[in-house]
Every structure is written in C-alpha cells, then in structure tokens.
Amino acid sequence: MMFRRPMVVRHGPGLLGERPQAPAATPPPTMSSEERITQLQELGELKASGVLTDEEFQREKRRVLGAV
C-alpha cells in the first residue's frame, strides 16, 4: 500500500489566508528640549500619583528621550 503526501497549499498576496499587515511604525516627531522637559515632568507627576507604574514610567521616559 502506497501513502501519498498531503498537498501543501501556499497562500500568496491577494489569496485567502493573507493577514493584513500592520502599518510601518513611524518615527516619533522631533521635540524641542522644552517639550521633552514638560513631558518628563508630567510623567513624573503621573508616577508620583500612582497612575503610572515604574515600568510604564521608564518606557515612556525612554520614548520621550528618544524623540530627539
């Protein structure tokens, strides 16, 4: 008795099974030093009031400082 391999079906662009792709990430806009300082102060206040966790604060701080 001979067994046949299952057929492999590949899906290409425009065919069934295609998942929509997420849009490419755009770099954050450049901020002035004053804008960065203001955002960092606001983040510090949110962290101090308990709205942001330390992890969230650090992530947002990196985001603000990276938008140079």
Protein backbone atom coordinates (compact mmCIF):
# COMPACT_ATOMS: atom_id res chain seq x y z
CA MET A 1 0.00 0.00 0.00
CA MET A 2 1.42 3.38 -1.01
CA PHE A 3 0.80 6.54 1.03
CA ARG A 4 0.57 9.92 -0.61
CA ARG A 5 1.93 13.05 0.96
CA PRO A 6 -0.63 15.72 1.78
CA MET A 7 -0.65 18.57 -0.68
CA VAL A 8 0.92 21.77 0.58
CA VAL A 9 -1.07 24.85 -0.31
CA ARG A 10 0.75 28.15 -0.21
CA HIS A 11 -1.03 31.45 0.01
CA GLY A 12 0.37 34.46 -1.75
CA PRO A 13 -0.59 38.10 -1.79
CA GLY A 14 -4.24 38.59 -2.54
CA LEU A 15 -5.16 34.98 -1.84
CA LEU A 16 -7.14 33.52 1.00
CA GLY A 17 -5.27 33.28 4.26
CA GLU A 18 -3.46 36.57 3.86
CA ARG A 19 -3.46 38.64 7.00
CA PRO A 20 -3.45 42.40 6.81
CA GLN A 21 -0.08 43.84 7.70
CA ALA A 22 0.29 46.45 10.39
CA PRO A 23 1.36 49.84 9.10
CA ALA A 24 5.05 50.54 9.38
CA ALA A 25 6.00 52.30 12.60
CA THR A 26 6.67 55.95 12.04
CA PRO A 27 9.47 57.56 13.99
CA PRO A 28 8.31 59.90 16.73
CA PRO A 29 8.31 63.57 15.82
CA THR A 30 11.25 65.66 16.93
CA MET A 31 10.56 67.57 20.14
CA SER A 32 12.22 70.66 21.48
CA SER A 33 14.09 70.48 24.78
CA GLU A 34 11.27 72.41 26.46
CA GLU A 35 8.66 69.94 25.20
CA ARG A 36 10.73 66.98 26.45
CA ILE A 37 11.19 68.59 29.87
CA THR A 38 7.45 69.30 30.12
CA GLN A 39 6.57 65.72 29.18
CA LEU A 40 9.10 64.31 31.65
CA GLN A 41 7.66 66.48 34.42
CA GLU A 42 4.14 65.30 33.58
CA LEU A 43 5.31 61.67 33.57
CA GLY A 44 6.97 62.20 36.95
CA GLU A 45 3.73 63.61 38.36
CA LEU A 46 1.72 60.66 36.96
CA LYS A 47 4.17 58.20 38.51
CA ALA A 48 4.14 60.01 41.85
CA SER A 49 0.33 59.95 41.92
CA GLY A 50 0.28 56.23 41.18
CA VAL A 51 -1.23 56.49 37.71
CA LEU A 52 1.90 55.05 36.06
CA THR A 53 3.88 52.07 37.29
CA ASP A 54 7.67 52.29 37.40
CA GLU A 55 7.85 50.14 34.26
CA GLU A 56 5.40 52.38 32.38
CA PHE A 57 7.27 55.47 33.53
CA GLN A 58 10.61 54.10 32.34
CA ARG A 59 9.17 53.07 28.97
CA GLU A 60 7.60 56.48 28.40
CA LYS A 61 10.74 58.27 29.58
CA ARG A 62 12.80 56.34 27.01
CA ARG A 63 10.23 57.22 24.34
CA VAL A 64 10.40 60.94 25.19
CA LEU A 65 14.18 60.99 25.38
CA GLY A 66 14.47 59.04 22.15
CA ALA A 67 12.41 61.61 20.23
CA VAL A 68 15.38 63.89 19.69
